[in-house]
Every structure is written in C-alpha cells, then in structure tokens.
Amino acid sequence: QLLFSSIIKMASRSSIVLLSRCWSQPPVGLGLASLLQLRGASTQSQKRVCIIGAGVAGLQTARALRAQGFQTTVFESTGDIGGVWQSNYVNFGLQVPRQVYEFPDFPFARAKWNSYPKGTEVFQYIQDYAQHFDLKRHIRFNTSVKQVQSDKDTWKVTIQTNDQKETQTFDYCVVSTGMYINPNMPNWSDRSRFQGKIFHSSDFTSLDGLAGKKVVVIGNGKSAVDCAVNASTAGAKTTLLSRNAHWPTPRKIANLIELQYIFYSRFGQALIVGHKGPMPDAAANYDTLMYQFGWPVFAAIFKVVEVLFAAQFRQLNKSELSPFGKADVVEDFYSAPQVMDYSLRDAVKAGTIKWLKGEVFEVTQPTNPIPSIPEA
C-alpha cells in the first residue's frame, strides 16, 4: 500500500509532478537479533555479528557491539555511510533541534545549540562519528545482502559485491536498513501521456530550470512542504496537494518555548499520559490514576495547545486544510511529525503556493505542453 499522503482528482495542467512521502517499507522477517541478548556480552568476544546497512542505526549498532567485544561486519550497498543523509532533495535537513538528533556519546559540536542543521551538516557529523570510532574499516561498501537464512544457532548471509557472490556465517544478524530505503511511486493510468516530468522528492536535487514552470507537489509531510517552498522560491507556479489535514508543530511554541522542552521532556510526557493514557501493557501506577481521573483536564489543556498552534500557523479558520477539529495534535506529532517554520504559511498567504485538498485520479497531457526540466 502506498504511503504517499495526498492524491487529488484532476486533469493535470502541470509540467512537473513531485511525489513526497512515497516510500515502501523495507523487507521484514530477515532475522532481527534481539539486542537484549547481547548486553553484558564481554565473555562472547568471538561472536560475529552481521549488520545490514551503514546508516545512523547501523553505525550506532556497530559502535555499541564493538564496545562490548563483538566482531562486527557491516554490509552497505552504496559506496558511503549515512543512508538517506548521503543525498536527498534540495535543502533537506533536520526538523528537530540538533541536540535532539545526536549520538549519545558524540555531541553534534559542528552545529549551534537549538539550530536545525541542513542535510550536508548532518552527513558530515555522521562522517565525523564514524572516523572518531574507527568504524569504516569494519564496513564492506558496495555490497548487497541477497539472502539471510537461519541455520540452528547461526545465520547464513549471502552477499554480493559487483558480480561476486559469497555466503558467510554469523552468530547474530541485525537489520538496520531503515524505513526509507526505496521510494514508492504510484502507478497512475495513462501516465505515459503526461508530457511533463514525474519524479520522487528524493530526486528533486536541483532548482535549475524551475522558473516559470507549473509544479504539483503531492504530500503533506516535511519533505512535501520543503519541496513546495523550494519550488516556489525558484519561481515555479506551485501547487501543494494534500489528502488530509494534519497538525504542524512550530519550532517555538507561542514563539517563545523550544518544542523539545514540551514534547521531549518529562513534563510533556506526563501531560500526554494524562491525555491519552499509559503506554500499552504498562503496569498500573499513578499514570493510570492520573488518566482515569484527570483526562478531562488534560483534554482541555491540549485543546488550548491546538488553538495556539492553529493561531501560529493561521489555521483557526474552517478551511478544508485546517486541522482544527479534524485531527489530534498529539497523535499527529507522534505518528508523522511536521516541525515547521512559517515558510509555507507565508507562501500560501502571499499566493506563491496554492494549497488544495483531494486525490489524484489520473494524469493526462497538459493543454499547453511545457518542456520538462533537464536532468539534475
């Protein structure tokens, strides 16, 4: 099932259609080892661990297991570390402050406190981490994992480098491929009739040639908003298509308080427990009582939060794309967070971005075909 978050019924007159948040899930069932079994494993120094993927998760896993004496081998299908931080759409970057996105044993010293680093800065930080802990010499680059099979107490891992295949045996196998390994594109009917260019947001790597073009961005997450703002800034006639209304979260609540001091703090978590209840399967404690007897109070508190957010993003009106009364701010934040500045809000107000709600039915030949932009 496609994960792209917006589709609209229209006979497209646009020269470019850009898809956002259209990722397929990675394959599952490859034998993810329980890391709990590896804790305190200093006596298992001869145990071999296969780690699939050299992104943020894979590098942290390699660092932690090597510190416990395990022999690790990381298989990375590309020629470098970093996963999605190697490259992405124009001006991609973090949507949280840098101190919320850093390795616990290696501070993000390159970026300022409370800053929102660009993708290039994050990528360099990941490079610094790998160099500091000497992780690259344990990585086999340009090597794909073709098969993982359980064989009693071991794992048989078949890998391929160039045209050469081989099978190695490991005691544990950790899958660290992440959720965004492959872009997922919809299969629209008569797509070949469209004379413009259709591509995924991850391929939106250049703003060259966008001025004067008509661009449709499909999505409602951070990448969609970023791409729409980038396209409009480059002079394109930009339309943002969103299937549902969702709550954006401001970088500063009430333009004063950094978001992490509320949503990523014990205080904020206590408010959320009072509003939504304890975590599933949690033992009964004061959280249960707080929710059972205090939920009306906490519901009112978060209603005030929604009013505040709606006011900050000018969404107190009853338009189709206002999340006010249509979505829950807590559920949106913890399922598909959109931590945003006011770029989209201001562009919509200025008329440089047209924001619509609906679904794509088909893409057809534009009435007045416009040449597609050159390859980036």
Protein backbone atom coordinates (compact mmCIF):
# COMPACT_ATOMS: atom_id res chain seq x y z
CA GLN A 1 0.00 0.00 0.00
CA LEU A 2 1.34 3.38 -0.95
CA LEU A 3 2.28 5.68 1.90
CA PHE A 4 2.03 8.90 -0.06
CA SER A 5 -0.17 11.16 1.94
CA SER A 6 -2.12 13.06 -0.65
CA ILE A 7 -3.70 12.49 -4.03
CA ILE A 8 -6.15 14.75 -5.90
CA LYS A 9 -8.55 14.17 -8.82
CA MET A 10 -7.56 16.46 -11.62
CA ALA A 11 -6.63 16.63 -15.29
CA SER A 12 -3.14 17.89 -14.64
CA ARG A 13 -2.07 21.00 -16.49
CA SER A 14 1.27 20.96 -14.73
CA SER A 15 4.64 20.30 -16.28
CA ILE A 16 6.08 18.66 -13.16
CA VAL A 17 4.52 16.34 -10.62
CA LEU A 18 6.59 15.76 -7.48
CA LEU A 19 5.74 12.97 -5.06
CA SER A 20 6.52 13.16 -1.38
CA ARG A 21 6.38 10.60 1.44
CA CYS A 22 6.01 7.78 -1.09
CA TRP A 23 8.21 5.15 0.49
CA SER A 24 7.72 1.43 0.66
CA GLN A 25 8.53 -0.43 3.85
CA PRO A 26 11.79 -2.41 3.94
CA PRO A 27 11.60 -6.20 3.79
CA VAL A 28 10.93 -7.84 7.14
CA GLY A 29 11.49 -11.30 8.51
CA LEU A 30 15.25 -11.35 7.87
CA GLY A 31 16.04 -12.42 11.43
CA LEU A 32 16.48 -9.31 13.52
CA ALA A 33 18.54 -10.38 16.53
CA SER A 34 17.36 -9.28 19.94
CA LEU A 35 19.92 -6.79 21.17
CA LEU A 36 18.83 -7.56 24.71
CA GLN A 37 20.58 -10.91 24.35
CA LEU A 38 23.83 -9.10 23.59
CA ARG A 39 24.00 -6.96 26.72
CA GLY A 40 26.87 -7.67 29.07
CA ALA A 41 28.47 -9.90 26.46
CA SER A 42 32.11 -9.31 27.26
CA THR A 43 32.55 -13.07 27.56
CA GLN A 44 31.37 -13.52 23.96
CA SER A 45 34.23 -11.71 22.28
CA GLN A 46 34.41 -14.31 19.50
CA LYS A 47 30.78 -13.89 18.49
CA ARG A 48 30.34 -12.49 14.98
CA VAL A 49 27.57 -10.04 14.17
CA CYS A 50 26.32 -9.11 10.70
CA ILE A 51 24.86 -5.60 10.45
CA ILE A 52 22.92 -4.72 7.31
CA GLY A 53 23.12 -1.02 6.49
CA ALA A 54 25.61 1.73 7.38
CA GLY A 55 23.14 4.47 8.14
CA VAL A 56 22.64 6.05 11.56
CA ALA A 57 21.16 2.87 13.08
CA GLY A 58 23.80 0.56 11.61
CA LEU A 59 26.70 2.73 12.75
CA GLN A 60 25.36 3.03 16.29
CA THR A 61 24.84 -0.73 16.44
CA ALA A 62 28.39 -1.39 15.27
CA ARG A 63 29.81 1.10 17.78
CA ALA A 64 27.84 -0.37 20.71
CA LEU A 65 28.59 -4.02 19.92
CA ARG A 66 32.29 -3.47 19.28
CA ALA A 67 32.49 -1.71 22.65
CA GLN A 68 31.20 -4.99 24.15
CA GLY A 69 33.86 -7.04 22.35
CA PHE A 70 31.83 -8.42 19.45
CA GLN A 71 33.29 -8.84 15.97
CA THR A 72 31.07 -6.85 13.63
CA THR A 73 30.85 -6.65 9.87
CA VAL A 74 28.62 -4.01 8.30
CA PHE A 75 27.35 -4.55 4.75
CA GLU A 76 26.46 -1.34 2.91
CA SER A 77 25.02 -1.45 -0.61
CA THR A 78 26.28 2.04 -1.54
CA GLY A 79 29.76 3.49 -1.55
CA ASP A 80 29.45 5.56 1.63
CA ILE A 81 27.87 5.72 5.06
CA GLY A 82 24.92 7.85 6.15
CA GLY A 83 21.92 6.26 4.45
CA VAL A 84 19.35 8.91 3.49
CA TRP A 85 21.71 11.63 4.71
CA GLN A 86 24.10 10.98 1.80
CA SER A 87 21.84 12.93 -0.54
CA ASN A 88 18.21 13.92 -0.83
CA TYR A 89 16.00 16.72 -2.11
CA VAL A 90 17.17 20.34 -2.32
CA ASN A 91 17.86 21.95 1.06
CA PHE A 92 16.80 18.89 3.05
CA GLY A 93 17.68 18.90 6.74
CA LEU A 94 16.60 18.16 10.29
CA GLN A 95 13.16 19.09 11.53
CA VAL A 96 14.27 18.92 15.16
CA PRO A 97 16.98 20.89 17.00
CA ARG A 98 20.42 19.38 16.66
CA GLN A 99 20.62 18.37 20.35
CA VAL A 100 17.63 16.08 19.82
CA TYR A 101 19.38 14.34 16.91
CA GLU A 102 22.86 13.40 18.03
CA PHE A 103 24.75 10.30 19.07
CA PRO A 104 24.70 9.92 22.87
CA ASP A 105 28.49 9.52 23.08
CA PHE A 106 29.45 12.06 20.38
CA PRO A 107 27.89 15.57 20.63
CA PHE A 108 26.87 17.41 17.47
CA ALA A 109 29.52 20.07 18.05
CA ARG A 110 29.53 21.35 14.45
CA ALA A 111 26.06 22.86 14.80
CA LYS A 112 24.86 25.50 17.22
CA TRP A 113 22.52 24.67 20.10
CA ASN A 114 18.85 24.89 19.01
CA SER A 115 19.83 25.11 15.34
CA TYR A 116 18.24 22.99 12.60
CA PRO A 117 21.20 21.66 10.57
CA LYS A 118 20.97 21.10 6.84
CA GLY A 119 21.48 17.64 5.40
CA THR A 120 25.08 18.34 4.44
CA GLU A 121 25.90 19.23 8.05
CA VAL A 122 24.22 16.07 9.35
CA PHE A 123 26.10 13.97 6.80
CA GLN A 124 29.43 15.46 7.87
CA TYR A 125 28.54 14.84 11.53
CA ILE A 126 27.90 11.17 10.72
CA GLN A 127 31.25 11.03 8.93
CA ASP A 128 32.94 12.53 12.00
CA TYR A 129 31.29 9.91 14.21
CA ALA A 130 32.48 7.03 12.03
CA GLN A 131 36.00 8.43 11.90
CA HIS A 132 36.16 9.07 15.65
CA PHE A 133 35.25 5.47 16.48
CA ASP A 134 37.14 3.99 13.51
CA LEU A 135 34.05 2.28 12.13
CA LYS A 136 34.70 2.41 8.39
CA ARG A 137 37.31 -0.32 8.43
CA HIS A 138 34.58 -2.72 9.59
CA ILE A 139 32.26 -1.82 6.68
CA ARG A 140 32.10 -3.57 3.32
CA PHE A 141 30.87 -0.96 0.85
CA ASN A 142 29.09 -1.61 -2.45
CA THR A 143 27.98 -4.94 -1.05
CA SER A 144 24.34 -6.05 -1.13
CA VAL A 145 22.79 -8.67 1.13
CA LYS A 146 20.85 -11.07 -1.08
CA GLN A 147 19.65 -13.61 1.47
CA VAL A 148 19.65 -14.30 5.19
CA GLN A 149 18.81 -17.80 6.45
CA SER A 150 18.58 -19.18 9.96
CA ASP A 151 20.70 -22.29 10.48
CA LYS A 152 20.22 -23.59 14.02
CA ASP A 153 22.12 -21.10 16.19
CA THR A 154 23.73 -19.17 13.34
CA TRP A 155 22.78 -17.04 10.34
CA LYS A 156 23.87 -17.74 6.78
CA VAL A 157 24.25 -14.40 4.98
CA THR A 158 24.63 -14.33 1.20
CA ILE A 159 26.24 -11.15 -0.09
CA GLN A 160 27.14 -9.79 -3.49
CA THR A 161 29.95 -7.39 -4.38
CA ASN A 162 29.93 -6.48 -8.06
CA ASP A 163 29.32 -9.87 -9.75
CA GLN A 164 30.80 -11.97 -6.95
CA LYS A 165 28.54 -13.80 -4.50
CA GLU A 166 29.56 -15.48 -1.28
CA THR A 167 27.95 -16.79 1.90
CA GLN A 168 29.24 -16.05 5.38
CA THR A 169 28.17 -17.36 8.78
CA PHE A 170 27.35 -15.11 11.75
CA ASP A 171 26.07 -15.63 15.27
CA TYR A 172 23.71 -12.67 15.06
CA CYS A 173 22.16 -10.60 12.29
CA VAL A 174 20.94 -7.03 12.81
CA VAL A 175 18.81 -5.43 10.10
CA SER A 176 19.45 -1.66 10.04
CA THR A 177 18.10 -0.73 6.62
CA GLY A 178 15.65 1.86 7.95
CA MET A 179 12.18 2.75 6.71
CA TYR A 180 13.12 4.90 3.73
CA ILE A 181 15.20 2.54 1.66
CA ASN A 182 13.10 2.65 -1.51
CA PRO A 183 10.90 5.40 -3.00
CA ASN A 184 7.41 4.16 -3.85
CA MET A 185 5.73 5.62 -6.91
CA PRO A 186 2.01 5.34 -7.74
CA ASN A 187 1.00 3.62 -10.95
CA TRP A 188 -1.41 6.11 -12.47
CA SER A 189 -3.38 5.15 -15.57
CA ASP A 190 -2.18 6.70 -18.83
CA ARG A 191 0.86 8.09 -17.08
CA SER A 192 2.83 7.88 -20.33
CA ARG A 193 0.54 10.52 -21.85
CA PHE A 194 1.84 13.14 -19.45
CA GLN A 195 4.46 15.19 -21.27
CA GLY A 196 5.98 16.72 -18.20
CA LYS A 197 8.21 15.00 -15.68
CA ILE A 198 7.09 12.89 -12.71
CA PHE A 199 9.63 12.05 -10.03
CA HIS A 200 10.01 11.34 -6.34
CA SER A 201 11.06 14.01 -3.88
CA SER A 202 14.40 12.25 -3.31
CA ASP A 203 15.25 13.04 -6.96
CA PHE A 204 14.37 16.72 -6.59
CA THR A 205 18.04 17.65 -6.28
CA SER A 206 18.23 20.85 -8.32
CA LEU A 207 16.25 24.06 -8.72
CA ASP A 208 17.68 24.74 -12.17
CA GLY A 209 15.10 25.44 -14.83
CA LEU A 210 12.12 25.69 -12.48
CA ALA A 211 11.33 29.36 -13.04
CA GLY A 212 8.01 29.72 -14.85
CA LYS A 213 7.20 26.01 -14.70
CA LYS A 214 4.00 24.61 -13.19
CA VAL A 215 4.82 22.24 -10.34
CA VAL A 216 2.49 20.00 -8.37
CA VAL A 217 3.85 18.60 -5.09
CA ILE A 218 1.87 15.67 -3.70
CA GLY A 219 2.15 15.17 0.06
CA ASN A 220 1.67 16.82 3.42
CA GLY A 221 4.79 15.92 5.38
CA LYS A 222 8.04 17.77 5.89
CA SER A 223 9.53 16.74 2.55
CA ALA A 224 6.40 17.86 0.68
CA VAL A 225 6.36 21.23 2.39
CA ASP A 226 10.10 21.72 1.85
CA CYS A 227 9.86 20.84 -1.85
CA ALA A 228 6.85 23.09 -2.41
CA VAL A 229 8.58 26.02 -0.70
CA ASN A 230 11.79 25.38 -2.66
CA ALA A 231 9.93 25.22 -5.97
CA SER A 232 8.01 28.45 -5.31
CA THR A 233 11.19 30.21 -4.19
CA ALA A 234 12.78 29.20 -7.51
CA GLY A 235 9.95 30.92 -9.37
CA ALA A 236 7.72 27.95 -10.19
CA LYS A 237 3.93 28.17 -10.15
CA THR A 238 3.49 25.73 -7.30
CA THR A 239 0.50 23.71 -6.12
CA LEU A 240 0.65 21.58 -2.96
CA LEU A 241 -1.89 18.72 -2.92
CA SER A 242 -2.77 17.13 0.42
CA ARG A 243 -5.25 14.36 1.07
CA ASN A 244 -5.84 15.12 4.77
CA ALA A 245 -5.35 17.96 7.21
CA HIS A 246 -2.60 17.40 9.80
CA TRP A 247 -1.19 19.39 12.66
CA PRO A 248 2.11 21.19 12.10
CA THR A 249 4.25 21.79 15.18
CA PRO A 250 6.00 25.17 15.47
CA ARG A 251 9.70 25.24 16.22
CA LYS A 252 8.90 27.54 19.11
CA ILE A 253 5.63 27.13 20.98
CA ALA A 254 3.97 30.54 21.31
CA ASN A 255 7.10 31.80 19.52
CA LEU A 256 8.91 31.53 22.87
CA ILE A 257 9.48 27.94 24.05
CA GLU A 258 11.61 25.48 22.06
CA LEU A 259 9.45 22.47 21.20
CA GLN A 260 11.74 19.90 22.87
CA TYR A 261 11.09 21.40 26.29
CA ILE A 262 7.45 20.37 25.94
CA PHE A 263 7.20 17.36 23.63
CA TYR A 264 10.55 15.78 24.53
CA SER A 265 10.51 16.43 28.29
CA ARG A 266 9.20 14.51 31.29
CA PHE A 267 6.70 17.29 31.84
CA GLY A 268 5.37 16.94 28.31
CA GLN A 269 5.22 13.16 28.57
CA ALA A 270 3.22 13.44 31.80
CA LEU A 271 0.72 15.70 30.03
CA ILE A 272 0.40 13.21 27.18
CA VAL A 273 -0.15 10.28 29.55
CA GLY A 274 -2.89 12.27 31.24
CA HIS A 275 -4.46 12.96 27.84
CA LYS A 276 -4.03 9.59 26.10
CA GLY A 277 -3.46 7.16 28.97
CA PRO A 278 -0.48 4.97 29.96
CA MET A 279 1.60 3.11 27.43
CA PRO A 280 0.10 -0.23 26.29
CA ASP A 281 0.80 -3.11 28.70
CA ALA A 282 2.18 -0.70 31.30
CA ALA A 283 1.69 -1.75 34.92
CA ALA A 284 -0.97 0.16 36.83
CA ASN A 285 0.54 3.10 38.70
CA TYR A 286 -0.04 6.79 39.25
CA ASP A 287 -0.18 7.29 35.46
CA THR A 288 -3.31 5.15 35.35
CA LEU A 289 -4.96 7.16 38.10
CA MET A 290 -3.91 10.43 36.52
CA TYR A 291 -5.59 9.42 33.27
CA GLN A 292 -8.72 7.92 34.84
CA PHE A 293 -9.50 10.93 36.98
CA GLY A 294 -7.76 13.76 35.16
CA TRP A 295 -8.34 13.15 31.46
CA PRO A 296 -10.95 15.95 31.09
CA VAL A 297 -8.42 18.46 32.40
CA PHE A 298 -5.65 17.19 30.12
CA ALA A 299 -8.02 17.12 27.13
CA ALA A 300 -8.76 20.79 27.79
CA ILE A 301 -5.04 21.55 28.04
CA PHE A 302 -4.35 20.04 24.62
CA LYS A 303 -7.33 21.84 23.15
CA VAL A 304 -5.62 25.05 24.22
CA VAL A 305 -2.42 23.76 22.56
CA GLU A 306 -4.34 23.19 19.34
CA VAL A 307 -5.78 26.70 19.44
CA LEU A 308 -2.30 28.08 19.99
CA PHE A 309 -0.79 26.09 17.11
CA ALA A 310 -3.66 27.00 14.82
CA ALA A 311 -3.16 30.66 15.66
CA GLN A 312 0.58 30.44 14.96
CA PHE A 313 0.00 28.86 11.54
CA ARG A 314 -3.10 30.98 10.77
CA GLN A 315 -5.34 27.90 10.68
CA LEU A 316 -8.13 28.93 13.01
CA ASN A 317 -10.49 29.18 10.05
CA LYS A 318 -12.73 26.33 8.91
CA SER A 319 -10.96 25.63 5.62
CA GLU A 320 -10.54 22.06 4.40
CA LEU A 321 -6.84 22.07 5.24
CA SER A 322 -7.16 23.45 8.73
CA PRO A 323 -6.57 20.54 11.15
CA PHE A 324 -8.62 22.31 13.81
CA GLY A 325 -11.39 19.90 14.80
CA LYS A 326 -10.25 17.27 12.27
CA ALA A 327 -7.08 15.79 13.77
CA ASP A 328 -5.47 15.27 17.17
CA VAL A 329 -2.29 17.23 17.77
CA VAL A 330 -0.68 14.52 19.91
CA GLU A 331 -1.45 11.69 17.50
CA ASP A 332 -0.12 13.71 14.58
CA PHE A 333 3.08 14.66 16.37
CA TYR A 334 3.97 11.11 17.39
CA SER A 335 2.90 9.39 14.16
CA ALA A 336 4.03 11.77 11.42
CA PRO A 337 5.52 14.91 12.96
CA GLN A 338 5.75 18.10 10.95
CA VAL A 339 8.01 20.52 12.79
CA MET A 340 7.85 23.61 10.62
CA ASP A 341 8.79 27.23 10.37
CA TYR A 342 6.36 29.68 8.75
CA SER A 343 7.60 29.38 5.15
CA LEU A 344 4.55 27.50 3.87
CA ARG A 345 2.13 29.67 5.82
CA ASP A 346 3.63 32.85 4.42
CA ALA A 347 3.87 31.48 0.85
CA VAL A 348 0.20 30.47 0.85
CA LYS A 349 -0.76 33.89 2.18
CA ALA A 350 1.36 35.58 -0.48
CA GLY A 351 -0.18 33.45 -3.21
CA THR A 352 3.08 31.86 -4.37
CA ILE A 353 1.83 28.40 -3.31
CA LYS A 354 -1.69 27.16 -3.97
CA TRP A 355 -2.68 24.54 -1.37
CA LEU A 356 -5.50 22.13 -2.27
CA LYS A 357 -7.12 19.09 -0.65
CA GLY A 358 -8.18 16.00 -2.59
CA GLU A 359 -6.96 12.96 -4.54
CA VAL A 360 -5.28 12.34 -7.88
CA PHE A 361 -7.43 10.33 -10.26
CA GLU A 362 -5.23 10.43 -13.34
CA VAL A 363 -2.51 12.43 -15.03
CA THR A 364 -3.08 13.50 -18.61
CA GLN A 365 -1.46 15.52 -21.32
CA PRO A 366 -1.32 19.25 -20.44
CA THR A 367 -3.45 21.55 -22.55
CA ASN A 368 -0.32 23.55 -23.37
CA PRO A 369 2.62 21.14 -23.03
CA ILE A 370 5.64 22.61 -21.29
CA PRO A 371 9.08 21.03 -21.71
CA SER A 372 10.27 19.19 -18.62
CA ILE A 373 13.22 20.45 -16.63
CA PRO A 374 16.62 18.99 -17.50
CA GLU A 375 18.06 16.14 -15.51
CA ALA A 376 19.80 17.33 -12.30
